[in-house]
Amino acid sequence: MDHVTADVYVGGRVINKIELAEDDGISNAYLKGQVARTEVSLIADETQATVWLGATKGTYAGMQPNRTWSLRIHLRAGAVPDKVTVDGESVRYVREGHRPVEMPFLSGAAPDEGDVITLTLHTTSNRLEHVVKLTMKGA
């Protein structure tokens, strides 16, 4: 996959981790270890959230060397972002307003769903890790 979009739910106290596993999608080569794995984790509370996008480990035939991540961050009702950074650098995001749940990912953190913001990281090697931090106003 060269572009991954993840829905991330923040607002309550949560610690969660998942692993994205990829293969060529057409063969049984994964049975012989031809698979790529990327760990993704979220640590959040009412005032801030950190999403860690790990470096991809492993390989498979046809694997793309670069990846673009898009994060749709579902905020708690009434929450307003103060600062959003990727790898320590402030980034722009799009405020989409309220959206229905589409692809729950790291769910359970925002019982009173509010607006959604979307940010897209620059395309980089999938062997690099990234840290996305979100701080809410008044935090």
C-alpha atoms as a PDB file:
ATOM      1  CA  MET A   1       0.000   0.000   0.000  1.00  0.00           C
ATOM      2  CA  ASP A   2       1.396   3.361  -0.878  1.00  0.00           C
ATOM      3  CA  HIS A   3      -1.414   5.394   0.765  1.00  0.00           C
ATOM      4  CA  VAL A   4      -3.014   4.441   4.072  1.00  0.00           C
ATOM      5  CA  THR A   5      -5.939   6.315   5.630  1.00  0.00           C
ATOM      6  CA  ALA A   6      -6.693   5.652   9.281  1.00  0.00           C
ATOM      7  CA  ASP A   7      -9.576   6.851  11.442  1.00  0.00           C
ATOM      8  CA  VAL A   8      -8.315   7.738  14.916  1.00  0.00           C
ATOM      9  CA  TYR A   9     -10.687   8.421  17.812  1.00  0.00           C
ATOM     10  CA  VAL A  10      -9.439  10.675  20.603  1.00  0.00           C
ATOM     11  CA  GLY A  11     -11.033  12.359  23.565  1.00  0.00           C
ATOM     12  CA  GLY A  12     -11.048   9.818  26.358  1.00  0.00           C
ATOM     13  CA  ARG A  13      -8.218   8.069  28.116  1.00  0.00           C
ATOM     14  CA  VAL A  14      -6.948   5.348  25.786  1.00  0.00           C
ATOM     15  CA  ILE A  15      -3.823   3.368  25.064  1.00  0.00           C
ATOM     16  CA  ASN A  16      -4.087   1.143  22.023  1.00  0.00           C
ATOM     17  CA  LYS A  17      -1.811  -0.595  19.552  1.00  0.00           C
ATOM     18  CA  ILE A  18      -2.474  -2.412  16.280  1.00  0.00           C
ATOM     19  CA  GLU A  19      -0.356  -3.947  13.562  1.00  0.00           C
ATOM     20  CA  LEU A  20      -0.933  -3.355   9.865  1.00  0.00           C
ATOM     21  CA  ALA A  21       0.082  -6.513   7.961  1.00  0.00           C
ATOM     22  CA  GLU A  22       0.531  -6.391   4.178  1.00  0.00           C
ATOM     23  CA  ASP A  23       1.378  -8.912   1.498  1.00  0.00           C
ATOM     24  CA  ASP A  24       1.172  -9.088  -2.284  1.00  0.00           C
ATOM     25  CA  GLY A  25      -2.555  -9.826  -2.107  1.00  0.00           C
ATOM     26  CA  ILE A  26      -2.450 -12.566  -4.724  1.00  0.00           C
ATOM     27  CA  SER A  27      -0.243 -15.423  -3.562  1.00  0.00           C
ATOM     28  CA  ASN A  28       0.465 -17.564  -0.508  1.00  0.00           C
ATOM     29  CA  ALA A  29       3.980 -16.096  -0.183  1.00  0.00           C
ATOM     30  CA  TYR A  30       2.966 -14.715   3.220  1.00  0.00           C
ATOM     31  CA  LEU A  31       3.136 -18.303   4.480  1.00  0.00           C
ATOM     32  CA  LYS A  32       6.866 -18.165   3.736  1.00  0.00           C
ATOM     33  CA  GLY A  33       7.319 -14.888   5.602  1.00  0.00           C
ATOM     34  CA  GLN A  34       6.891 -12.486   2.691  1.00  0.00           C
ATOM     35  CA  VAL A  35       4.879  -9.965   4.652  1.00  0.00           C
ATOM     36  CA  ALA A  36       5.410  -6.393   5.832  1.00  0.00           C
ATOM     37  CA  ARG A  37       4.236  -5.250   9.264  1.00  0.00           C
ATOM     38  CA  THR A  38       3.751  -1.731  10.591  1.00  0.00           C
ATOM     39  CA  GLU A  39       2.937  -1.036  14.238  1.00  0.00           C
ATOM     40  CA  VAL A  40       0.597   1.855  14.985  1.00  0.00           C
ATOM     41  CA  SER A  41      -0.177   3.065  18.489  1.00  0.00           C
ATOM     42  CA  LEU A  42      -2.302   5.717  20.166  1.00  0.00           C
ATOM     43  CA  ILE A  43      -1.968   7.253  23.608  1.00  0.00           C
ATOM     44  CA  ALA A  44      -4.654   9.834  24.378  1.00  0.00           C
ATOM     45  CA  ASP A  45      -6.601  11.595  27.098  1.00  0.00           C
ATOM     46  CA  GLU A  46      -9.006  14.540  27.143  1.00  0.00           C
ATOM     47  CA  THR A  47      -6.269  17.121  26.412  1.00  0.00           C
ATOM     48  CA  GLN A  48      -3.829  15.495  24.006  1.00  0.00           C
ATOM     49  CA  ALA A  49      -3.135  12.542  21.739  1.00  0.00           C
ATOM     50  CA  THR A  50      -0.020  10.941  20.287  1.00  0.00           C
ATOM     51  CA  VAL A  51      -0.164   8.611  17.292  1.00  0.00           C
ATOM     52  CA  TRP A  52       3.012   6.646  16.572  1.00  0.00           C
ATOM     53  CA  LEU A  53       3.387   5.244  13.060  1.00  0.00           C
ATOM     54  CA  GLY A  54       6.167   2.688  13.233  1.00  0.00           C
ATOM     55  CA  ALA A  55       8.704   1.828  10.575  1.00  0.00           C
ATOM     56  CA  THR A  56       7.587  -1.005   8.310  1.00  0.00           C
ATOM     57  CA  LYS A  57       9.445  -4.265   8.882  1.00  0.00           C
ATOM     58  CA  GLY A  58       9.628  -7.093   6.368  1.00  0.00           C
ATOM     59  CA  THR A  59       9.002  -7.142   2.646  1.00  0.00           C
ATOM     60  CA  TYR A  60       6.996  -8.816  -0.109  1.00  0.00           C
ATOM     61  CA  ALA A  61       7.039  -8.881  -3.907  1.00  0.00           C
ATOM     62  CA  GLY A  62       5.796  -5.603  -5.364  1.00  0.00           C
ATOM     63  CA  MET A  63       6.029  -3.683  -2.082  1.00  0.00           C
ATOM     64  CA  GLN A  64       6.164   0.065  -2.607  1.00  0.00           C
ATOM     65  CA  PRO A  65       9.201   1.762  -0.985  1.00  0.00           C
ATOM     66  CA  ASN A  66       7.283   4.901   0.042  1.00  0.00           C
ATOM     67  CA  ARG A  67       4.055   5.576   1.854  1.00  0.00           C
ATOM     68  CA  THR A  68       1.656   8.450   2.473  1.00  0.00           C
ATOM     69  CA  TRP A  69      -0.399   8.398   5.680  1.00  0.00           C
ATOM     70  CA  SER A  70      -3.673  10.292   6.073  1.00  0.00           C
ATOM     71  CA  LEU A  71      -5.205  10.482   9.541  1.00  0.00           C
ATOM     72  CA  ARG A  72      -8.868  11.340  10.074  1.00  0.00           C
ATOM     73  CA  ILE A  73      -8.906  12.348  13.724  1.00  0.00           C
ATOM     74  CA  HIS A  74     -12.331  12.155  15.342  1.00  0.00           C
ATOM     75  CA  LEU A  75     -12.516  14.641  18.202  1.00  0.00           C
ATOM     76  CA  ARG A  76     -14.659  14.592  21.304  1.00  0.00           C
ATOM     77  CA  ALA A  77     -17.707  16.895  21.118  1.00  0.00           C
ATOM     78  CA  GLY A  78     -16.647  20.503  21.748  1.00  0.00           C
ATOM     79  CA  ALA A  79     -12.900  19.795  21.424  1.00  0.00           C
ATOM     80  CA  VAL A  80     -10.836  22.303  19.459  1.00  0.00           C
ATOM     81  CA  PRO A  81      -7.269  21.524  18.345  1.00  0.00           C
ATOM     82  CA  ASP A  82      -4.619  23.975  19.510  1.00  0.00           C
ATOM     83  CA  LYS A  83      -1.524  22.439  17.948  1.00  0.00           C
ATOM     84  CA  VAL A  84      -0.901  19.530  15.592  1.00  0.00           C
ATOM     85  CA  THR A  85       2.643  18.365  14.846  1.00  0.00           C
ATOM     86  CA  VAL A  86       4.288  15.617  12.814  1.00  0.00           C
ATOM     87  CA  ASP A  87       7.792  14.707  13.921  1.00  0.00           C
ATOM     88  CA  GLY A  88       7.937  17.946  15.945  1.00  0.00           C
ATOM     89  CA  GLU A  89       6.930  20.250  13.085  1.00  0.00           C
ATOM     90  CA  SER A  90       3.598  22.088  13.050  1.00  0.00           C
ATOM     91  CA  VAL A  91       1.341  20.926  10.230  1.00  0.00           C
ATOM     92  CA  ARG A  92      -1.823  22.118   8.552  1.00  0.00           C
ATOM     93  CA  TYR A  93      -4.989  20.092   8.710  1.00  0.00           C
ATOM     94  CA  VAL A  94      -8.482  20.254   7.257  1.00  0.00           C
ATOM     95  CA  ARG A  95     -11.405  20.641   9.654  1.00  0.00           C
ATOM     96  CA  GLU A  96     -14.244  18.624   8.154  1.00  0.00           C
ATOM     97  CA  GLY A  97     -16.926  19.192  10.761  1.00  0.00           C
ATOM     98  CA  HIS A  98     -18.991  16.280  12.043  1.00  0.00           C
ATOM     99  CA  ARG A  99     -18.756  13.023  10.064  1.00  0.00           C
ATOM    100  CA  PRO A 100     -20.308   9.653  10.738  1.00  0.00           C
ATOM    101  CA  VAL A 101     -18.117   6.743  11.810  1.00  0.00           C
ATOM    102  CA  GLU A 102     -16.724   5.122   8.654  1.00  0.00           C
ATOM    103  CA  MET A 103     -13.772   2.866   9.455  1.00  0.00           C
ATOM    104  CA  PRO A 104     -13.285   2.584  13.215  1.00  0.00           C
ATOM    105  CA  PHE A 105      -9.597   2.390  14.058  1.00  0.00           C
ATOM    106  CA  LEU A 106      -8.315   2.541  17.599  1.00  0.00           C
ATOM    107  CA  SER A 107     -11.932   3.109  18.594  1.00  0.00           C
ATOM    108  CA  GLY A 108     -13.601   3.525  21.943  1.00  0.00           C
ATOM    109  CA  ALA A 109     -11.851   6.753  22.901  1.00  0.00           C
ATOM    110  CA  ALA A 110     -14.479   9.304  21.903  1.00  0.00           C
ATOM    111  CA  PRO A 111     -17.937   8.455  23.236  1.00  0.00           C
ATOM    112  CA  ASP A 112     -19.284  11.949  22.454  1.00  0.00           C
ATOM    113  CA  GLU A 113     -18.098  12.325  18.875  1.00  0.00           C
ATOM    114  CA  GLY A 114     -17.484  15.841  17.613  1.00  0.00           C
ATOM    115  CA  ASP A 115     -15.721  17.237  14.564  1.00  0.00           C
ATOM    116  CA  VAL A 116     -13.199  15.445  12.395  1.00  0.00           C
ATOM    117  CA  ILE A 117      -9.870  16.877  11.271  1.00  0.00           C
ATOM    118  CA  THR A 118      -7.785  15.316   8.504  1.00  0.00           C
ATOM    119  CA  LEU A 119      -4.067  15.625   8.018  1.00  0.00           C
ATOM    120  CA  THR A 120      -1.871  14.014   5.400  1.00  0.00           C
ATOM    121  CA  LEU A 121       1.804  13.381   6.054  1.00  0.00           C
ATOM    122  CA  HIS A 122       4.373  13.945   3.314  1.00  0.00           C
ATOM    123  CA  THR A 123       5.216  10.811   1.352  1.00  0.00           C
ATOM    124  CA  THR A 124       8.339   9.210   2.842  1.00  0.00           C
ATOM    125  CA  SER A 125      10.089   5.886   3.018  1.00  0.00           C
ATOM    126  CA  ASN A 126       7.927   3.307   4.731  1.00  0.00           C
ATOM    127  CA  ARG A 127      11.066   2.396   6.712  1.00  0.00           C
ATOM    128  CA  LEU A 128      10.777   5.650   8.700  1.00  0.00           C
ATOM    129  CA  GLU A 129       8.644   6.137  11.803  1.00  0.00           C
ATOM    130  CA  HIS A 130       6.523   9.207  12.490  1.00  0.00           C
ATOM    131  CA  VAL A 131       5.018  10.774  15.601  1.00  0.00           C
ATOM    132  CA  VAL A 132       1.833  12.820  15.321  1.00  0.00           C
ATOM    133  CA  LYS A 133       0.883  14.932  18.349  1.00  0.00           C
ATOM    134  CA  LEU A 134      -2.367  16.777  18.910  1.00  0.00           C
ATOM    135  CA  THR A 135      -2.975  19.194  21.783  1.00  0.00           C
ATOM    136  CA  MET A 136      -6.410  20.618  22.548  1.00  0.00           C
ATOM    137  CA  LYS A 137      -7.112  24.283  23.386  1.00  0.00           C
ATOM    138  CA  GLY A 138      -7.227  24.920  27.089  1.00  0.00           C
ATOM    139  CA  ALA A 139      -4.926  21.961  27.784  1.00  0.00           C
END
